[in-house]
């Protein structure tokens, strides 16, 4: 009888304490090629915003990367650590070079610097900027990758919003999540 009692308690504990949180995936919009905008090629940064969510209070804020007297900014809230994280309005360019096949490693050229390209890893609709896989001479991103999403914002102006640099950081003593939305125009 005692064994049956302990088994019932154990089963009730297992079935009630193992609830899994349902995590909703972030929507990814693929840029349609039939509309005439391809992600491959060179893009110039025209504007950008940083979205910050305080994970403790739920407060959400949006900040412009650029303003009347500010043309440079950082993708990292606490300041750029890598060249990729420093952005300048109407100066910063991103160039995407397709991999040899549909998926795999292509090239990402930052600000026209073809001497030190980054890698561009493509797997289906998932794109990530990575360390250049053909060299280990430099640490361009600190060994990590920068996943990005692209959403067409204006077909007539050939503008795309790239969502990049999602990170978690302590800001003013609070746990925060942030990312940047950068608007680029096809060159």
Protein backbone atom coordinates (compact mmCIF):
# COMPACT_ATOMS: atom_id res chain seq x y z
CA UNK A 1 0.00 0.00 0.00
CA UNK A 2 2.86 2.40 0.84
CA UNK A 3 4.50 1.64 -2.52
CA UNK A 4 1.30 2.42 -4.39
CA UNK A 5 0.96 5.68 -2.44
CA UNK A 6 4.54 6.76 -3.33
CA UNK A 7 4.06 5.79 -6.97
CA UNK A 8 0.89 7.91 -7.21
CA UNK A 9 2.63 10.88 -5.58
CA UNK A 10 5.61 10.50 -7.91
CA UNK A 11 3.39 10.29 -11.00
CA UNK A 12 1.35 13.33 -9.96
CA UNK A 13 4.58 15.28 -9.32
CA UNK A 14 6.02 14.32 -12.70
CA UNK A 15 2.88 15.16 -14.69
CA UNK A 16 2.23 18.50 -12.99
CA UNK A 17 5.76 19.89 -12.68
CA UNK A 18 6.97 19.29 -16.23
CA UNK A 19 5.02 21.94 -18.08
CA UNK A 20 6.97 23.22 -21.04
CA UNK A 21 6.85 26.81 -22.09
CA UNK A 22 5.73 27.22 -25.67
CA UNK A 23 8.25 29.44 -27.44
CA UNK A 24 6.96 31.23 -30.50
CA UNK A 25 9.53 31.51 -33.31
CA UNK A 26 10.46 34.91 -34.66
CA UNK A 27 8.81 35.46 -38.03
CA UNK A 28 11.24 35.55 -40.91
CA UNK A 29 10.17 37.22 -44.11
CA UNK A 30 12.10 36.13 -47.16
CA UNK A 31 12.77 38.84 -49.70
CA UNK A 32 10.96 37.71 -52.85
CA UNK A 33 13.10 37.75 -55.97
CA UNK A 34 10.14 38.10 -58.33
CA UNK A 35 9.62 41.66 -57.05
CA UNK A 36 13.04 42.63 -58.39
CA UNK A 37 14.99 43.00 -55.13
CA UNK A 38 17.79 40.53 -54.51
CA UNK A 39 19.79 40.57 -51.30
CA UNK A 40 23.02 39.84 -53.14
CA UNK A 41 24.93 42.96 -54.08
CA UNK A 42 25.88 46.16 -52.27
CA UNK A 43 23.66 48.07 -49.82
CA UNK A 44 24.16 51.49 -48.19
CA UNK A 45 22.89 52.27 -44.67
CA UNK A 46 20.32 55.09 -44.65
CA UNK A 47 18.76 54.85 -41.17
CA UNK A 48 18.43 52.64 -38.12
CA UNK A 49 16.79 52.08 -34.77
CA UNK A 50 17.64 50.08 -31.65
CA UNK A 51 14.81 48.28 -29.85
CA UNK A 52 15.37 47.56 -26.14
CA UNK A 53 13.16 45.52 -23.82
CA UNK A 54 13.73 45.55 -20.07
CA UNK A 55 13.08 41.90 -19.22
CA UNK A 56 12.40 42.66 -15.56
CA UNK A 57 9.91 45.53 -15.89
CA UNK A 58 8.57 44.79 -19.38
CA UNK A 59 9.33 48.38 -20.46
CA UNK A 60 10.14 48.75 -24.17
CA UNK A 61 12.03 51.63 -25.77
CA UNK A 62 13.08 52.55 -29.29
CA UNK A 63 16.12 54.73 -30.00
CA UNK A 64 17.27 56.23 -33.30
CA UNK A 65 20.84 55.35 -34.19
CA UNK A 66 21.19 58.69 -36.00
CA UNK A 67 19.95 62.22 -35.50
CA UNK A 68 20.54 65.85 -36.53
CA UNK A 69 24.07 65.94 -35.08
CA UNK A 70 24.77 62.21 -34.92
CA UNK A 71 25.84 60.19 -37.96
CA UNK A 72 27.72 57.34 -36.24
CA UNK A 73 26.47 54.72 -33.80
CA UNK A 74 27.06 51.24 -32.45
CA UNK A 75 25.04 48.06 -32.82
CA UNK A 76 26.13 47.17 -29.27
CA UNK A 77 24.38 49.19 -26.55
CA UNK A 78 27.55 49.59 -24.49
CA UNK A 79 29.71 50.59 -27.48
CA UNK A 80 31.28 48.76 -30.41
CA UNK A 81 33.83 46.05 -29.74
CA UNK A 82 34.25 44.98 -33.36
CA UNK A 83 34.43 46.90 -36.64
CA UNK A 84 31.14 45.31 -37.77
CA UNK A 85 29.34 46.96 -34.83
CA UNK A 86 30.30 50.52 -35.81
CA UNK A 87 27.81 52.03 -38.25
CA UNK A 88 27.76 55.38 -40.04
CA UNK A 89 24.73 56.80 -41.81
CA UNK A 90 25.11 57.08 -45.61
CA UNK A 91 28.65 55.65 -45.37
CA UNK A 92 28.40 52.06 -44.07
CA UNK A 93 27.94 49.53 -46.85
CA UNK A 94 27.16 45.83 -46.72
CA UNK A 95 27.79 43.62 -49.73
CA UNK A 96 26.50 40.07 -49.95
CA UNK A 97 28.19 37.64 -52.35
CA UNK A 98 26.33 34.39 -52.97
CA UNK A 99 27.86 31.02 -52.09
CA UNK A 100 28.92 28.75 -55.00
CA UNK A 101 25.78 26.68 -54.50
CA UNK A 102 22.33 27.53 -53.14
CA UNK A 103 23.47 27.06 -49.52
CA UNK A 104 26.84 27.26 -47.79
CA UNK A 105 29.48 29.94 -47.38
CA UNK A 106 29.45 33.11 -49.42
CA UNK A 107 31.18 36.38 -48.67
CA UNK A 108 30.14 39.49 -46.75
CA UNK A 109 32.07 42.67 -47.53
CA UNK A 110 31.90 45.47 -44.94
CA UNK A 111 32.47 49.01 -46.24
CA UNK A 112 34.10 47.80 -49.47
CA UNK A 113 37.03 46.11 -47.66
CA UNK A 114 37.54 43.14 -50.00
CA UNK A 115 40.95 42.42 -48.42
CA UNK A 116 39.27 41.26 -45.19
CA UNK A 117 35.91 39.75 -46.10
CA UNK A 118 33.63 38.11 -43.57
CA UNK A 119 31.87 34.84 -44.21
CA UNK A 120 28.19 34.71 -45.10
CA UNK A 121 26.62 31.44 -44.05
CA UNK A 122 23.32 30.59 -45.72
CA UNK A 123 21.13 27.64 -44.77
CA UNK A 124 17.68 27.85 -46.38
CA UNK A 125 16.21 31.17 -45.16
CA UNK A 126 18.72 31.58 -42.33
CA UNK A 127 21.55 34.00 -43.03
CA UNK A 128 24.45 34.69 -40.66
CA UNK A 129 27.51 36.87 -40.91
CA UNK A 130 30.44 34.84 -39.56
CA UNK A 131 34.20 34.91 -39.28
CA UNK A 132 35.78 34.37 -42.70
CA UNK A 133 36.07 30.55 -42.90
CA UNK A 134 39.08 30.75 -45.25
CA UNK A 135 41.29 32.48 -42.66
CA UNK A 136 41.84 32.43 -38.93
CA UNK A 137 44.28 35.35 -38.93
CA UNK A 138 41.84 37.87 -37.51
CA UNK A 139 39.02 37.79 -35.01
CA UNK A 140 36.41 39.83 -36.85
CA UNK A 141 33.45 38.98 -34.61
CA UNK A 142 35.03 37.50 -31.50
CA UNK A 143 34.29 33.96 -32.65
CA UNK A 144 30.53 34.45 -32.82
CA UNK A 145 28.08 35.00 -35.66
CA UNK A 146 25.54 37.72 -36.40
CA UNK A 147 22.29 36.19 -37.61
CA UNK A 148 20.20 38.58 -39.66
CA UNK A 149 16.72 38.82 -41.10
CA UNK A 150 15.70 40.91 -44.07
CA UNK A 151 12.32 42.49 -44.74
CA UNK A 152 11.55 44.63 -47.80
CA UNK A 153 10.38 48.05 -46.60
CA UNK A 154 10.06 49.91 -49.90
CA UNK A 155 10.10 48.22 -53.31
CA UNK A 156 10.20 51.52 -55.21
CA UNK A 157 13.31 52.76 -53.39
CA UNK A 158 14.89 49.29 -53.20
CA UNK A 159 15.05 49.49 -49.39
CA UNK A 160 15.40 46.55 -47.02
CA UNK A 161 15.35 46.46 -43.23
CA UNK A 162 18.00 44.16 -41.78
CA UNK A 163 17.35 43.01 -38.22
CA UNK A 164 20.69 42.21 -36.60
CA UNK A 165 22.72 42.09 -33.38
CA UNK A 166 20.16 40.63 -30.99
CA UNK A 167 21.83 40.57 -27.60
CA UNK A 168 21.24 40.40 -23.87
CA UNK A 169 22.99 42.89 -21.63
CA UNK A 170 22.69 44.45 -18.22
CA UNK A 171 21.60 48.07 -18.70
CA UNK A 172 21.42 50.27 -15.59
CA UNK A 173 21.27 47.13 -13.43
CA UNK A 174 18.40 45.52 -15.38
CA UNK A 175 18.48 42.47 -17.66
CA UNK A 176 17.64 43.71 -21.14
CA UNK A 177 17.25 42.28 -24.64
CA UNK A 178 17.96 44.46 -27.67
CA UNK A 179 18.41 44.37 -31.41
CA UNK A 180 18.86 46.83 -34.25
CA UNK A 181 16.76 47.38 -37.35
CA UNK A 182 18.87 48.97 -40.06
CA UNK A 183 17.41 50.35 -43.30
CA UNK A 184 19.67 49.86 -46.30
CA UNK A 185 19.21 51.00 -49.88
CA UNK A 186 20.41 48.92 -52.86
CA UNK A 187 23.37 50.49 -54.67
